[in-house]
Every structure is written in C-alpha cells, then in structure tokens.
Amino acid sequence: MSPRFVVIDASVGAKWFRDEPGSDAARDLLRQHAAGTVRLVVPSLFFYEVIDVARRHFGPDGARRIWQSLSADELVYSNPDAELLDRTVEVAATLGCTLYDAAAPALAEHLGCELVSADQKAHGRFPGAVIIR
C-alpha cells in the first residue's frame, strides 16, 4: 500500500519540539511519516520557518540540533516554480494571509492532497484543511 501524501505547514513542524496544544497530533504525523504510512510534504521555506522558531527558543546551538533532526526525517520538499508561485499569490489573496502562510495550502492544492496546519488564523478558511490543536 502506498503512503498518502500530506502537506504540512511550519506551524506543525514547530510543535515537534515544543510542548503545547497540538504537539501530540503533530508528533503522531511525524511517526506516521517515519513508519511510511504518510509522506510529509513541505514547501522549501518550511525549514527556515521551523529553524527560526527553534533558534528563538533554544538559541543557535539548539537550532542546529533541530536542523540535524529535520534533515534526518527525510521530508519531501517542494521548491516553487512559476505555476506554484502564481497559485500561492492567489491563495494569499483569497485567505488574506502572507505568501509564506499561503505556500503550504497552495502546495496541497497543487498536489491534490490534504493540508494539515496548526494555524487557524491563516489556514482555517482553506477548504479541507485539518487544523490541529
């Protein structure tokens, strides 16, 4: 059986190393990815966003440790192309969010797969988004 693809936003990745509401659900997704039942897909900027959260909470050394862990997780990442960037601009306008926040929903739409986010404000109005809390 092939794994299902799920696009996640950086708000989910940040919960992997923080104890807060939604962290258990976020970590469960990562466990499913490690088990091969789910393939987590992220926009390339995901790494910058998550590592910046780690840097703010744990300093530069902590950020480096989180990066090492993330790189070992073998997430599938997508770099933008003209079509995806154009759609990201449209999604940002529709949702009233930043381009950064629109990257994951636009990617999910582009790939035809589920979006999982912990950012209700940015992604709550995206059709079919699963918001973890």
Protein backbone atom coordinates (compact mmCIF):
# COMPACT_ATOMS: atom_id res chain seq x y z
CA MET A 1 0.00 0.00 0.00
CA SER A 2 1.33 3.41 -0.96
CA PRO A 3 1.61 6.09 1.69
CA ARG A 4 -0.77 9.03 1.49
CA PHE A 5 0.78 12.42 0.90
CA VAL A 6 0.07 15.21 3.39
CA VAL A 7 1.31 18.79 3.14
CA ILE A 8 2.14 20.37 6.48
CA ASP A 9 2.72 23.97 7.43
CA ALA A 10 5.64 25.11 9.58
CA SER A 11 3.21 25.56 12.47
CA VAL A 12 3.02 21.75 12.62
CA GLY A 13 6.80 21.28 12.43
CA ALA A 14 7.36 23.73 15.28
CA LYS A 15 5.18 21.56 17.51
CA TRP A 16 7.56 18.60 17.11
CA PHE A 17 9.99 20.13 19.60
CA ARG A 18 7.69 22.20 21.77
CA ASP A 19 5.19 21.00 24.34
CA GLU A 20 1.97 22.84 23.62
CA PRO A 21 -1.56 22.08 22.46
CA GLY A 22 -1.40 20.08 19.23
CA SER A 23 2.12 18.75 19.81
CA ASP A 24 0.91 15.16 20.24
CA ALA A 25 -1.01 15.26 16.94
CA ALA A 26 1.97 16.84 15.17
CA ARG A 27 4.35 14.22 16.54
CA ASP A 28 1.93 11.47 15.52
CA LEU A 29 2.13 12.71 11.92
CA LEU A 30 5.91 12.56 12.11
CA ARG A 31 5.73 9.00 13.49
CA GLN A 32 3.44 8.02 10.61
CA HIS A 33 5.96 9.54 8.20
CA ALA A 34 8.78 7.53 9.80
CA ALA A 35 6.66 4.36 9.56
CA GLY A 36 5.98 5.01 5.88
CA THR A 37 2.20 5.26 6.13
CA VAL A 38 2.28 9.01 5.41
CA ARG A 39 4.70 11.07 3.33
CA LEU A 40 5.01 14.58 4.70
CA VAL A 41 5.49 17.22 2.03
CA VAL A 42 6.57 20.76 2.80
CA PRO A 43 7.33 23.94 0.88
CA SER A 44 11.08 24.59 0.95
CA LEU A 45 10.63 27.63 3.19
CA PHE A 46 9.29 25.28 5.90
CA PHE A 47 12.83 24.60 7.05
CA TYR A 48 13.68 28.28 7.51
CA GLU A 49 10.49 28.93 9.44
CA VAL A 50 10.86 25.94 11.77
CA ILE A 51 14.56 26.50 12.39
CA ASP A 52 13.85 30.15 13.20
CA VAL A 53 11.33 29.07 15.86
CA ALA A 54 13.97 26.71 17.25
CA ARG A 55 16.58 29.49 17.22
CA ARG A 56 14.29 31.83 19.16
CA HIS A 57 13.52 29.16 21.77
CA PHE A 58 16.83 27.30 22.06
CA GLY A 59 19.48 29.61 20.62
CA PRO A 60 21.82 28.90 17.71
CA ASP A 61 23.06 25.54 19.01
CA GLY A 62 19.52 24.32 19.58
CA ALA A 63 18.55 25.46 16.09
CA ARG A 64 21.43 23.44 14.65
CA ARG A 65 20.32 20.35 16.57
CA ILE A 66 16.76 20.75 15.31
CA TRP A 67 18.09 21.13 11.75
CA GLN A 68 20.05 17.89 12.09
CA SER A 69 16.91 16.15 13.28
CA LEU A 70 14.79 17.62 10.47
CA SER A 71 17.28 16.67 7.79
CA ALA A 72 17.28 13.09 9.10
CA ASP A 73 13.47 12.94 8.84
CA GLU A 74 13.67 12.97 5.02
CA LEU A 75 10.65 15.17 4.49
CA VAL A 76 9.65 15.64 0.87
CA TYR A 77 10.11 19.28 -0.05
CA SER A 78 9.00 21.31 -3.00
CA ASN A 79 10.71 24.33 -4.48
CA PRO A 80 8.40 26.82 -6.14
CA ASP A 81 8.03 27.07 -9.89
CA ALA A 82 6.16 29.77 -11.81
CA GLU A 83 2.83 27.94 -11.68
CA LEU A 84 3.02 27.20 -7.96
CA LEU A 85 4.20 30.70 -7.10
CA ASP A 86 1.35 32.20 -9.11
CA ARG A 87 -1.14 30.00 -7.27
CA THR A 88 0.46 30.93 -3.94
CA VAL A 89 -0.18 34.60 -4.69
CA GLU A 90 -3.82 33.79 -5.44
CA VAL A 91 -4.23 31.73 -2.27
CA ALA A 92 -2.70 34.55 -0.19
CA ALA A 93 -5.25 36.97 -1.61
CA THR A 94 -8.13 34.55 -1.02
CA LEU A 95 -7.16 33.70 2.55
CA GLY A 96 -5.92 37.19 3.44
CA CYS A 97 -2.58 35.84 4.64
CA THR A 98 1.09 36.27 3.79
CA LEU A 99 2.77 34.49 0.89
CA TYR A 100 4.67 32.47 3.49
CA ASP A 101 1.41 31.24 5.01
CA ALA A 102 -0.11 30.62 1.58
CA ALA A 103 2.77 28.38 0.42
CA ALA A 104 1.57 25.19 2.14
CA PRO A 105 -2.10 25.44 1.10
CA ALA A 106 -1.11 26.26 -2.48
CA LEU A 107 1.21 23.24 -2.50
CA ALA A 108 -1.52 20.98 -1.08
CA GLU A 109 -3.91 22.20 -3.75
CA HIS A 110 -1.26 21.75 -6.45
CA LEU A 111 -0.58 18.16 -5.36
CA GLY A 112 -4.23 17.36 -4.66
CA CYS A 113 -3.60 16.27 -1.11
CA GLU A 114 -4.57 17.18 2.43
CA LEU A 115 -3.22 20.23 4.26
CA VAL A 116 -2.50 19.91 7.98
CA SER A 117 -1.79 23.11 9.90
CA ALA A 118 -1.86 24.43 13.44
CA ASP A 119 -2.51 27.97 12.22
CA GLN A 120 -6.27 28.50 12.41
CA LYS A 121 -5.98 32.18 11.52
CA ALA A 122 -4.03 31.62 8.29
CA HIS A 123 -5.49 28.29 7.15
CA GLY A 124 -8.88 27.88 8.84
CA ARG A 125 -10.72 29.06 5.74
CA PHE A 126 -8.77 26.82 3.34
CA PRO A 127 -11.16 24.13 2.06
CA GLY A 128 -10.46 20.76 3.66
CA ALA A 129 -7.64 21.98 5.91
CA VAL A 130 -7.14 19.90 9.03
CA ILE A 131 -6.31 22.22 11.92
CA ILE A 132 -4.57 20.53 14.83
CA ARG A 133 -4.90 21.95 18.31
